[in-house]
Amino acid sequence: MILYKEKKYVCLLDFAMEFIRGKWKAVILCHLYKEPKRFLELQRVTKGISQKVLNEKLKELESDEIITKIVYAEIPPKVEYHLTEKGKELTKIIKEFENWAVKYYPYLENDCK
């Protein structure tokens, strides 16, 4: 049993999956893979996510040091989300899952490019 931040995990795989668990985290990371994005850009490409949920997931990913939020001193304020080095490594693994899906289910639509 692994204990981290007052939460129990069955094994290291269970622990590692926590960083992308749920419907939206992996999708957000896929969209940040090639370039940083602003909040509204992320909301637009992550179809079906509410502002509230997107904000929550971004905060969780930032807290886990998977992404970083950069606020530029401009008016109006400009905020971008970038993958950290840890996030880039994690996203490479997620992309391998995506490649597996493309290989075995090539006829499905793919919006996460």
Protein backbone atom coordinates (compact mmCIF):
# COMPACT_ATOMS: atom_id res chain seq x y z
CA MET A 1 0.00 0.00 0.00
CA ILE A 2 1.29 3.45 -0.91
CA LEU A 3 0.26 6.57 0.99
CA TYR A 4 0.63 9.96 -0.70
CA LYS A 5 -1.11 13.21 0.29
CA GLU A 6 -3.37 11.29 2.68
CA LYS A 7 -4.60 9.00 -0.09
CA LYS A 8 -3.94 5.27 -0.39
CA TYR A 9 -2.85 3.56 -3.60
CA VAL A 10 -2.71 -0.17 -4.27
CA CYS A 11 0.56 -0.01 -6.22
CA LEU A 12 2.82 2.41 -8.10
CA LEU A 13 0.73 1.99 -11.27
CA ASP A 14 -2.39 3.01 -9.34
CA PHE A 15 -0.44 6.00 -7.99
CA ALA A 16 0.88 7.00 -11.45
CA MET A 17 -2.60 6.76 -12.98
CA GLU A 18 -3.85 9.29 -10.42
CA PHE A 19 -2.18 12.06 -12.42
CA ILE A 20 -4.38 11.37 -15.46
CA ARG A 21 -7.38 9.73 -13.80
CA GLY A 22 -10.79 10.93 -14.89
CA LYS A 23 -12.29 12.09 -18.13
CA TRP A 24 -10.41 15.33 -18.77
CA LYS A 25 -6.81 15.38 -17.55
CA ALA A 26 -5.30 13.24 -20.32
CA VAL A 27 -7.29 15.16 -22.94
CA ILE A 28 -6.02 18.50 -21.59
CA LEU A 29 -2.45 17.20 -21.64
CA CYS A 30 -2.84 16.00 -25.25
CA HIS A 31 -3.95 19.48 -26.26
CA LEU A 32 -0.93 21.04 -24.55
CA TYR A 33 1.50 18.56 -26.14
CA LYS A 34 2.59 20.63 -29.14
CA GLU A 35 2.18 24.14 -27.78
CA PRO A 36 0.98 26.17 -24.79
CA LYS A 37 -2.64 27.24 -24.81
CA ARG A 38 -4.74 29.90 -23.20
CA PHE A 39 -7.79 29.00 -21.08
CA LEU A 40 -10.41 29.73 -23.76
CA GLU A 41 -8.38 27.88 -26.40
CA LEU A 42 -8.30 24.83 -24.12
CA GLN A 43 -12.02 25.09 -23.46
CA ARG A 44 -12.72 25.34 -27.19
CA VAL A 45 -10.63 22.29 -28.18
CA THR A 46 -11.68 20.25 -25.16
CA LYS A 47 -15.26 19.89 -26.34
CA GLY A 48 -17.83 19.30 -23.64
CA ILE A 49 -15.88 20.55 -20.63
CA SER A 50 -17.37 23.31 -18.49
CA GLN A 51 -15.34 26.33 -17.36
CA LYS A 52 -15.63 25.14 -13.76
CA VAL A 53 -14.31 21.64 -14.47
CA LEU A 54 -11.55 22.91 -16.77
CA ASN A 55 -10.43 25.34 -14.07
CA GLU A 56 -10.45 22.54 -11.44
CA LYS A 57 -8.45 20.15 -13.62
CA LEU A 58 -5.91 22.83 -14.56
CA LYS A 59 -5.42 23.64 -10.87
CA GLU A 60 -4.94 19.93 -10.07
CA LEU A 61 -2.42 19.49 -12.89
CA GLU A 62 -0.60 22.63 -11.75
CA SER A 63 -0.58 21.44 -8.14
CA ASP A 64 0.93 18.13 -9.31
CA GLU A 65 3.58 20.08 -11.27
CA ILE A 66 2.42 18.56 -14.56
CA ILE A 67 1.64 21.97 -16.06
CA THR A 68 2.62 25.51 -15.25
CA LYS A 69 0.52 28.63 -15.53
CA ILE A 70 2.25 31.71 -16.87
CA VAL A 71 0.60 35.08 -16.30
CA TYR A 72 1.88 37.86 -18.54
CA ALA A 73 1.82 41.45 -17.27
CA GLU A 74 -0.49 42.77 -19.96
CA ILE A 75 -3.86 44.46 -20.09
CA PRO A 76 -6.04 42.51 -20.50
CA PRO A 77 -4.12 39.81 -18.61
CA LYS A 78 -2.76 36.99 -20.73
CA VAL A 79 -2.48 33.54 -19.16
CA GLU A 80 -0.98 30.48 -20.83
CA TYR A 81 -0.68 26.89 -19.70
CA HIS A 82 2.52 24.99 -20.51
CA LEU A 83 3.65 21.43 -19.87
CA THR A 84 6.49 21.10 -17.36
CA GLU A 85 9.29 18.59 -17.99
CA LYS A 86 7.38 16.13 -15.82
CA GLY A 87 4.26 16.86 -17.87
CA LYS A 88 6.09 16.35 -21.17
CA GLU A 89 7.29 12.91 -20.06
CA LEU A 90 3.80 11.95 -18.88
CA THR A 91 2.23 13.19 -22.11
CA LYS A 92 4.63 11.06 -24.18
CA ILE A 93 3.19 8.03 -22.38
CA ILE A 94 -0.37 9.22 -23.03
CA LYS A 95 0.52 9.65 -26.71
CA GLU A 96 1.62 6.00 -26.77
CA PHE A 97 -1.88 5.05 -25.57
CA GLU A 98 -3.26 7.21 -28.36
CA ASN A 99 -0.99 5.48 -30.91
CA TRP A 100 -2.27 2.12 -29.69
CA ALA A 101 -5.86 3.27 -30.26
CA VAL A 102 -5.01 4.55 -33.76
CA LYS A 103 -3.34 1.23 -34.62
CA TYR A 104 -6.20 -0.98 -33.47
CA TYR A 105 -9.14 1.35 -34.10
CA PRO A 106 -8.05 3.44 -37.13
CA TYR A 107 -11.62 4.02 -38.26
CA LEU A 108 -12.47 6.12 -35.20
CA GLU A 109 -12.42 9.91 -35.33
CA ASN A 110 -9.37 11.55 -33.73
CA ASP A 111 -9.71 15.14 -32.50
CA CYS A 112 -6.70 15.07 -30.15
CA LYS A 113 -3.94 15.89 -32.61
